[in-house]
């Protein structure tokens, strides 16, 4: 009995994984850090630089240099490799085959689906995703006074739990920087999209749970919120 109580006590005192994460909250398409700063994450397309002509390559490099020189705030470029997930595509093929009235085409679609499944499993095909993380740190903003910025550093918890009005003001400044980043990326021929709340949660969930995520898919955040409110 004493041994069971000891094990139970040790389990209760075990700190949560969330304690070691720097993320305090994710809401309104924005990541709120524990130090009070906020982040926006952009998913960026790629280009095959090697297939471009010399003039096109020089133009891209020049646009990239101009983009970096135009930025007066820090940002992070992240490349993430993942195993190729074709579950949605395979489900689409399955539904299309079920609706097919031609027996020959239905059989060919089933064989193609089986081929794709075996190809991905045997080849261990990886895909790359490119992200740009744009931060905004209110305690480093030159528009705020010295004592206000010092108070933010000394009390990061109070900064993380700001009111909606203050959060909206800081988010507006963040998205101003994001607009400049989007413009600079477009100048290089890159397409970029700001990740919404659902996409951000899925990104961090898949990042911190690489082995669990493929088998345990996340529910839609809107659906979870509706169930909680009910």
C-alpha atoms as a PDB file:
ATOM      1  CA  UNK A   1       0.000   0.000   0.000  1.00  0.00           C
ATOM      2  CA  UNK A   2       2.771   2.433   0.928  1.00  0.00           C
ATOM      3  CA  UNK A   3       4.559   1.673  -2.328  1.00  0.00           C
ATOM      4  CA  UNK A   4       1.412   2.461  -4.371  1.00  0.00           C
ATOM      5  CA  UNK A   5       0.932   5.762  -2.542  1.00  0.00           C
ATOM      6  CA  UNK A   6       4.564   6.677  -3.252  1.00  0.00           C
ATOM      7  CA  UNK A   7       4.134   5.969  -6.961  1.00  0.00           C
ATOM      8  CA  UNK A   8       0.915   7.992  -7.057  1.00  0.00           C
ATOM      9  CA  UNK A   9       2.613  10.916  -5.327  1.00  0.00           C
ATOM     10  CA  UNK A  10       5.515  10.834  -7.818  1.00  0.00           C
ATOM     11  CA  UNK A  11       3.081  10.876 -10.710  1.00  0.00           C
ATOM     12  CA  UNK A  12       1.297  13.957  -9.386  1.00  0.00           C
ATOM     13  CA  UNK A  13       4.544  15.860  -8.893  1.00  0.00           C
ATOM     14  CA  UNK A  14       5.805  15.132 -12.410  1.00  0.00           C
ATOM     15  CA  UNK A  15       5.902  18.467 -14.282  1.00  0.00           C
ATOM     16  CA  UNK A  16       3.886  18.860 -17.448  1.00  0.00           C
ATOM     17  CA  UNK A  17       5.636  19.069 -20.818  1.00  0.00           C
ATOM     18  CA  UNK A  18       3.951  22.438 -21.331  1.00  0.00           C
ATOM     19  CA  UNK A  19       6.073  23.823 -18.492  1.00  0.00           C
ATOM     20  CA  UNK A  20       9.171  23.556 -20.682  1.00  0.00           C
ATOM     21  CA  UNK A  21       7.615  25.127 -23.785  1.00  0.00           C
ATOM     22  CA  UNK A  22       8.106  28.810 -24.475  1.00  0.00           C
ATOM     23  CA  UNK A  23       4.588  29.107 -25.896  1.00  0.00           C
ATOM     24  CA  UNK A  24       1.972  30.524 -23.545  1.00  0.00           C
ATOM     25  CA  UNK A  25      -1.022  30.572 -25.880  1.00  0.00           C
ATOM     26  CA  UNK A  26      -2.122  30.392 -29.516  1.00  0.00           C
ATOM     27  CA  UNK A  27      -5.096  32.512 -30.559  1.00  0.00           C
ATOM     28  CA  UNK A  28      -6.277  34.799 -33.340  1.00  0.00           C
ATOM     29  CA  UNK A  29      -3.687  33.379 -35.774  1.00  0.00           C
ATOM     30  CA  UNK A  30      -0.893  34.458 -33.421  1.00  0.00           C
ATOM     31  CA  UNK A  31       1.559  32.656 -31.139  1.00  0.00           C
ATOM     32  CA  UNK A  32       1.918  34.305 -27.715  1.00  0.00           C
ATOM     33  CA  UNK A  33       5.193  33.521 -25.961  1.00  0.00           C
ATOM     34  CA  UNK A  34       5.713  33.352 -22.201  1.00  0.00           C
ATOM     35  CA  UNK A  35       8.010  36.377 -22.306  1.00  0.00           C
ATOM     36  CA  UNK A  36       5.177  38.503 -23.730  1.00  0.00           C
ATOM     37  CA  UNK A  37       6.373  38.602 -27.336  1.00  0.00           C
ATOM     38  CA  UNK A  38       4.140  37.399 -30.160  1.00  0.00           C
ATOM     39  CA  UNK A  39       4.835  35.529 -33.387  1.00  0.00           C
ATOM     40  CA  UNK A  40       3.278  35.080 -36.792  1.00  0.00           C
ATOM     41  CA  UNK A  41       4.239  32.069 -38.914  1.00  0.00           C
ATOM     42  CA  UNK A  42       4.218  32.131 -42.716  1.00  0.00           C
ATOM     43  CA  UNK A  43       4.170  29.047 -44.925  1.00  0.00           C
ATOM     44  CA  UNK A  44       6.271  29.875 -47.997  1.00  0.00           C
ATOM     45  CA  UNK A  45       6.435  28.206 -51.391  1.00  0.00           C
ATOM     46  CA  UNK A  46       9.717  27.181 -53.003  1.00  0.00           C
ATOM     47  CA  UNK A  47      11.400  27.712 -56.355  1.00  0.00           C
ATOM     48  CA  UNK A  48      13.867  25.500 -58.215  1.00  0.00           C
ATOM     49  CA  UNK A  49      16.822  27.877 -58.348  1.00  0.00           C
ATOM     50  CA  UNK A  50      18.991  25.470 -60.379  1.00  0.00           C
ATOM     51  CA  UNK A  51      16.496  25.401 -63.265  1.00  0.00           C
ATOM     52  CA  UNK A  52      16.446  29.185 -63.613  1.00  0.00           C
ATOM     53  CA  UNK A  53      18.509  30.976 -66.231  1.00  0.00           C
ATOM     54  CA  UNK A  54      21.516  33.009 -65.136  1.00  0.00           C
ATOM     55  CA  UNK A  55      19.613  36.289 -65.479  1.00  0.00           C
ATOM     56  CA  UNK A  56      16.719  34.900 -63.439  1.00  0.00           C
ATOM     57  CA  UNK A  57      19.098  33.650 -60.751  1.00  0.00           C
ATOM     58  CA  UNK A  58      20.787  37.056 -60.533  1.00  0.00           C
ATOM     59  CA  UNK A  59      17.378  38.739 -60.264  1.00  0.00           C
ATOM     60  CA  UNK A  60      16.327  36.405 -57.440  1.00  0.00           C
ATOM     61  CA  UNK A  61      19.574  36.953 -55.527  1.00  0.00           C
ATOM     62  CA  UNK A  62      19.258  40.715 -55.968  1.00  0.00           C
ATOM     63  CA  UNK A  63      15.644  40.640 -54.753  1.00  0.00           C
ATOM     64  CA  UNK A  64      16.717  38.559 -51.747  1.00  0.00           C
ATOM     65  CA  UNK A  65      19.463  41.039 -50.844  1.00  0.00           C
ATOM     66  CA  UNK A  66      17.015  43.945 -51.136  1.00  0.00           C
ATOM     67  CA  UNK A  67      14.519  42.031 -49.005  1.00  0.00           C
ATOM     68  CA  UNK A  68      17.060  41.498 -46.200  1.00  0.00           C
ATOM     69  CA  UNK A  69      18.232  45.110 -46.345  1.00  0.00           C
ATOM     70  CA  UNK A  70      14.648  46.370 -46.118  1.00  0.00           C
ATOM     71  CA  UNK A  71      13.955  44.486 -42.889  1.00  0.00           C
ATOM     72  CA  UNK A  72      14.613  46.446 -39.698  1.00  0.00           C
ATOM     73  CA  UNK A  73      13.382  43.682 -37.382  1.00  0.00           C
ATOM     74  CA  UNK A  74      14.514  40.082 -36.820  1.00  0.00           C
ATOM     75  CA  UNK A  75      12.903  37.047 -38.405  1.00  0.00           C
ATOM     76  CA  UNK A  76      13.586  33.317 -38.582  1.00  0.00           C
ATOM     77  CA  UNK A  77      13.677  31.059 -41.638  1.00  0.00           C
ATOM     78  CA  UNK A  78      12.820  27.435 -40.882  1.00  0.00           C
ATOM     79  CA  UNK A  79      12.968  24.373 -43.154  1.00  0.00           C
ATOM     80  CA  UNK A  80      11.135  21.324 -41.867  1.00  0.00           C
ATOM     81  CA  UNK A  81      11.370  17.832 -43.388  1.00  0.00           C
ATOM     82  CA  UNK A  82       8.433  15.469 -42.997  1.00  0.00           C
ATOM     83  CA  UNK A  83       7.409  12.101 -44.323  1.00  0.00           C
ATOM     84  CA  UNK A  84       5.079  12.607 -47.267  1.00  0.00           C
ATOM     85  CA  UNK A  85       1.451  12.283 -46.149  1.00  0.00           C
ATOM     86  CA  UNK A  86      -0.904  11.321 -48.986  1.00  0.00           C
ATOM     87  CA  UNK A  87      -3.822  10.224 -46.828  1.00  0.00           C
ATOM     88  CA  UNK A  88      -6.182  12.879 -48.196  1.00  0.00           C
ATOM     89  CA  UNK A  89      -5.183  12.095 -51.785  1.00  0.00           C
ATOM     90  CA  UNK A  90      -5.689   8.358 -51.225  1.00  0.00           C
ATOM     91  CA  UNK A  91      -9.106   8.997 -49.663  1.00  0.00           C
ATOM     92  CA  UNK A  92      -9.987  11.095 -52.701  1.00  0.00           C
ATOM     93  CA  UNK A  93      -9.004   8.214 -55.011  1.00  0.00           C
ATOM     94  CA  UNK A  94     -11.032   5.783 -52.916  1.00  0.00           C
ATOM     95  CA  UNK A  95     -14.141   7.970 -53.117  1.00  0.00           C
ATOM     96  CA  UNK A  96     -13.659   8.527 -56.844  1.00  0.00           C
ATOM     97  CA  UNK A  97     -13.302   4.778 -57.451  1.00  0.00           C
ATOM     98  CA  UNK A  98     -16.483   4.087 -55.478  1.00  0.00           C
ATOM     99  CA  UNK A  99     -18.420   6.502 -57.706  1.00  0.00           C
ATOM    100  CA  UNK A 100     -16.946   5.093 -60.906  1.00  0.00           C
ATOM    101  CA  UNK A 101     -19.467   3.133 -63.025  1.00  0.00           C
ATOM    102  CA  UNK A 102     -16.937   1.679 -65.449  1.00  0.00           C
ATOM    103  CA  UNK A 103     -15.587  -1.578 -63.976  1.00  0.00           C
ATOM    104  CA  UNK A 104     -12.299  -1.350 -65.870  1.00  0.00           C
ATOM    105  CA  UNK A 105     -11.597   2.205 -64.676  1.00  0.00           C
ATOM    106  CA  UNK A 106     -12.601   1.250 -61.139  1.00  0.00           C
ATOM    107  CA  UNK A 107     -10.084  -1.623 -61.169  1.00  0.00           C
ATOM    108  CA  UNK A 108      -7.338   0.610 -62.591  1.00  0.00           C
ATOM    109  CA  UNK A 109      -7.972   3.271 -59.939  1.00  0.00           C
ATOM    110  CA  UNK A 110      -7.759   0.624 -57.199  1.00  0.00           C
ATOM    111  CA  UNK A 111      -4.450  -0.633 -58.604  1.00  0.00           C
ATOM    112  CA  UNK A 112      -3.116   2.932 -58.820  1.00  0.00           C
ATOM    113  CA  UNK A 113      -4.154   3.553 -55.221  1.00  0.00           C
ATOM    114  CA  UNK A 114      -2.319   0.409 -54.127  1.00  0.00           C
ATOM    115  CA  UNK A 115       0.762   1.453 -56.121  1.00  0.00           C
ATOM    116  CA  UNK A 116       0.882   4.893 -54.481  1.00  0.00           C
ATOM    117  CA  UNK A 117       0.472   3.357 -51.025  1.00  0.00           C
ATOM    118  CA  UNK A 118       3.346   0.901 -51.552  1.00  0.00           C
ATOM    119  CA  UNK A 119       5.553   3.557 -53.149  1.00  0.00           C
ATOM    120  CA  UNK A 120       5.244   5.899 -50.166  1.00  0.00           C
ATOM    121  CA  UNK A 121       5.740   3.124 -47.584  1.00  0.00           C
ATOM    122  CA  UNK A 122       8.736   1.538 -49.291  1.00  0.00           C
ATOM    123  CA  UNK A 123      10.434   4.679 -50.522  1.00  0.00           C
ATOM    124  CA  UNK A 124      10.045   6.676 -47.288  1.00  0.00           C
ATOM    125  CA  UNK A 125       9.540   9.799 -49.388  1.00  0.00           C
ATOM    126  CA  UNK A 126      10.187  13.077 -47.573  1.00  0.00           C
ATOM    127  CA  UNK A 127       8.758  16.491 -48.285  1.00  0.00           C
ATOM    128  CA  UNK A 128      10.098  19.874 -47.207  1.00  0.00           C
ATOM    129  CA  UNK A 129       8.106  22.815 -45.923  1.00  0.00           C
ATOM    130  CA  UNK A 130       9.473  26.323 -45.635  1.00  0.00           C
ATOM    131  CA  UNK A 131       8.414  28.744 -42.913  1.00  0.00           C
ATOM    132  CA  UNK A 132       9.222  32.332 -42.004  1.00  0.00           C
ATOM    133  CA  UNK A 133       8.622  33.261 -38.350  1.00  0.00           C
ATOM    134  CA  UNK A 134       7.983  36.950 -37.811  1.00  0.00           C
ATOM    135  CA  UNK A 135       8.294  38.148 -34.182  1.00  0.00           C
ATOM    136  CA  UNK A 136       7.148  41.284 -32.424  1.00  0.00           C
ATOM    137  CA  UNK A 137       8.592  42.074 -29.008  1.00  0.00           C
ATOM    138  CA  UNK A 138       6.650  44.869 -27.272  1.00  0.00           C
ATOM    139  CA  UNK A 139       9.338  45.385 -24.640  1.00  0.00           C
ATOM    140  CA  UNK A 140      11.860  46.227 -27.377  1.00  0.00           C
ATOM    141  CA  UNK A 141       9.606  48.686 -29.194  1.00  0.00           C
ATOM    142  CA  UNK A 142      11.187  52.138 -29.421  1.00  0.00           C
ATOM    143  CA  UNK A 143       7.760  53.764 -29.231  1.00  0.00           C
ATOM    144  CA  UNK A 144       7.363  52.625 -25.606  1.00  0.00           C
ATOM    145  CA  UNK A 145       9.103  54.205 -22.646  1.00  0.00           C
ATOM    146  CA  UNK A 146      12.102  52.742 -20.842  1.00  0.00           C
ATOM    147  CA  UNK A 147      10.226  51.955 -17.613  1.00  0.00           C
ATOM    148  CA  UNK A 148       7.347  50.344 -19.501  1.00  0.00           C
ATOM    149  CA  UNK A 149       9.743  48.077 -21.379  1.00  0.00           C
ATOM    150  CA  UNK A 150      11.619  47.262 -18.156  1.00  0.00           C
ATOM    151  CA  UNK A 151       8.353  46.324 -16.447  1.00  0.00           C
ATOM    152  CA  UNK A 152       7.517  43.943 -19.286  1.00  0.00           C
ATOM    153  CA  UNK A 153      10.839  42.156 -18.864  1.00  0.00           C
ATOM    154  CA  UNK A 154      10.478  41.860 -15.076  1.00  0.00           C
ATOM    155  CA  UNK A 155       6.858  40.654 -15.296  1.00  0.00           C
ATOM    156  CA  UNK A 156       6.592  38.429 -18.377  1.00  0.00           C
ATOM    157  CA  UNK A 157       3.571  36.551 -16.987  1.00  0.00           C
ATOM    158  CA  UNK A 158       1.472  39.713 -16.824  1.00  0.00           C
ATOM    159  CA  UNK A 159       2.482  40.519 -20.384  1.00  0.00           C
ATOM    160  CA  UNK A 160       1.286  37.132 -21.617  1.00  0.00           C
ATOM    161  CA  UNK A 161      -2.113  37.680 -20.002  1.00  0.00           C
ATOM    162  CA  UNK A 162      -2.789  41.043 -21.602  1.00  0.00           C
ATOM    163  CA  UNK A 163      -6.243  42.341 -22.327  1.00  0.00           C
ATOM    164  CA  UNK A 164      -7.808  41.892 -25.733  1.00  0.00           C
ATOM    165  CA  UNK A 165      -7.398  45.613 -26.466  1.00  0.00           C
ATOM    166  CA  UNK A 166      -3.634  45.584 -25.805  1.00  0.00           C
ATOM    167  CA  UNK A 167      -3.243  42.301 -27.659  1.00  0.00           C
ATOM    168  CA  UNK A 168      -5.069  43.708 -30.698  1.00  0.00           C
ATOM    169  CA  UNK A 169      -2.759  46.735 -30.695  1.00  0.00           C
ATOM    170  CA  UNK A 170       0.369  44.585 -30.605  1.00  0.00           C
ATOM    171  CA  UNK A 171      -1.035  42.210 -33.184  1.00  0.00           C
ATOM    172  CA  UNK A 172      -1.651  45.158 -35.506  1.00  0.00           C
ATOM    173  CA  UNK A 173       2.017  46.129 -35.262  1.00  0.00           C
ATOM    174  CA  UNK A 174       3.015  42.524 -35.881  1.00  0.00           C
ATOM    175  CA  UNK A 175       0.899  42.263 -39.023  1.00  0.00           C
ATOM    176  CA  UNK A 176       2.424  45.509 -40.297  1.00  0.00           C
ATOM    177  CA  UNK A 177       5.795  43.738 -40.243  1.00  0.00           C
ATOM    178  CA  UNK A 178       4.191  40.646 -41.787  1.00  0.00           C
ATOM    179  CA  UNK A 179       2.903  42.732 -44.706  1.00  0.00           C
ATOM    180  CA  UNK A 180       6.451  43.913 -45.423  1.00  0.00           C
ATOM    181  CA  UNK A 181       7.711  40.347 -45.319  1.00  0.00           C
ATOM    182  CA  UNK A 182       4.956  39.185 -47.688  1.00  0.00           C
ATOM    183  CA  UNK A 183       5.816  41.978 -50.090  1.00  0.00           C
ATOM    184  CA  UNK A 184       9.501  41.080 -50.018  1.00  0.00           C
ATOM    185  CA  UNK A 185       8.804  37.393 -50.624  1.00  0.00           C
ATOM    186  CA  UNK A 186       6.514  38.225 -53.523  1.00  0.00           C
ATOM    187  CA  UNK A 187       9.370  40.226 -55.065  1.00  0.00           C
ATOM    188  CA  UNK A 188      11.346  36.980 -55.267  1.00  0.00           C
ATOM    189  CA  UNK A 189       8.469  35.135 -56.907  1.00  0.00           C
ATOM    190  CA  UNK A 190       7.506  33.299 -53.705  1.00  0.00           C
ATOM    191  CA  UNK A 191       3.968  32.767 -52.467  1.00  0.00           C
ATOM    192  CA  UNK A 192       3.353  32.948 -48.730  1.00  0.00           C
ATOM    193  CA  UNK A 193       0.381  32.441 -46.458  1.00  0.00           C
ATOM    194  CA  UNK A 194      -0.090  33.359 -42.806  1.00  0.00           C
ATOM    195  CA  UNK A 195      -0.968  30.259 -40.765  1.00  0.00           C
ATOM    196  CA  UNK A 196      -4.269  30.506 -38.924  1.00  0.00           C
ATOM    197  CA  UNK A 197      -4.904  29.217 -35.403  1.00  0.00           C
ATOM    198  CA  UNK A 198      -5.755  25.675 -36.514  1.00  0.00           C
ATOM    199  CA  UNK A 199      -2.675  25.433 -38.745  1.00  0.00           C
ATOM    200  CA  UNK A 200      -0.413  26.797 -35.987  1.00  0.00           C
ATOM    201  CA  UNK A 201      -1.650  24.260 -33.452  1.00  0.00           C
ATOM    202  CA  UNK A 202      -1.193  21.440 -35.960  1.00  0.00           C
ATOM    203  CA  UNK A 203       2.312  22.690 -36.792  1.00  0.00           C
ATOM    204  CA  UNK A 204       3.494  22.622 -33.181  1.00  0.00           C
ATOM    205  CA  UNK A 205       1.605  19.409 -32.428  1.00  0.00           C
ATOM    206  CA  UNK A 206       3.314  17.637 -35.322  1.00  0.00           C
ATOM    207  CA  UNK A 207       6.680  19.180 -34.415  1.00  0.00           C
ATOM    208  CA  UNK A 208       6.655  18.103 -30.779  1.00  0.00           C
ATOM    209  CA  UNK A 209       4.951  14.738 -31.445  1.00  0.00           C
ATOM    210  CA  UNK A 210       6.587  13.401 -34.634  1.00  0.00           C
ATOM    211  CA  UNK A 211       5.870   9.734 -33.840  1.00  0.00           C
ATOM    212  CA  UNK A 212       2.350  10.169 -32.472  1.00  0.00           C
ATOM    213  CA  UNK A 213       0.994  12.734 -34.930  1.00  0.00           C
ATOM    214  CA  UNK A 214       0.739  10.419 -38.008  1.00  0.00           C
ATOM    215  CA  UNK A 215      -1.553   8.012 -36.112  1.00  0.00           C
ATOM    216  CA  UNK A 216      -3.426  10.457 -33.873  1.00  0.00           C
ATOM    217  CA  UNK A 217      -4.783  13.273 -36.003  1.00  0.00           C
ATOM    218  CA  UNK A 218      -5.883  16.495 -34.373  1.00  0.00           C
ATOM    219  CA  UNK A 219      -9.530  17.479 -34.320  1.00  0.00           C
ATOM    220  CA  UNK A 220     -10.674  20.719 -35.893  1.00  0.00           C
ATOM    221  CA  UNK A 221     -10.181  23.451 -33.270  1.00  0.00           C
ATOM    222  CA  UNK A 222     -13.563  25.010 -34.138  1.00  0.00           C
ATOM    223  CA  UNK A 223     -15.279  21.687 -33.501  1.00  0.00           C
ATOM    224  CA  UNK A 224     -13.510  21.306 -30.161  1.00  0.00           C
ATOM    225  CA  UNK A 225     -14.533  24.820 -29.123  1.00  0.00           C
ATOM    226  CA  UNK A 226     -18.176  24.120 -30.046  1.00  0.00           C
ATOM    227  CA  UNK A 227     -18.188  20.907 -28.017  1.00  0.00           C
ATOM    228  CA  UNK A 228     -16.639  22.704 -25.032  1.00  0.00           C
ATOM    229  CA  UNK A 229     -19.197  25.505 -25.130  1.00  0.00           C
ATOM    230  CA  UNK A 230     -22.059  22.986 -25.300  1.00  0.00           C
END
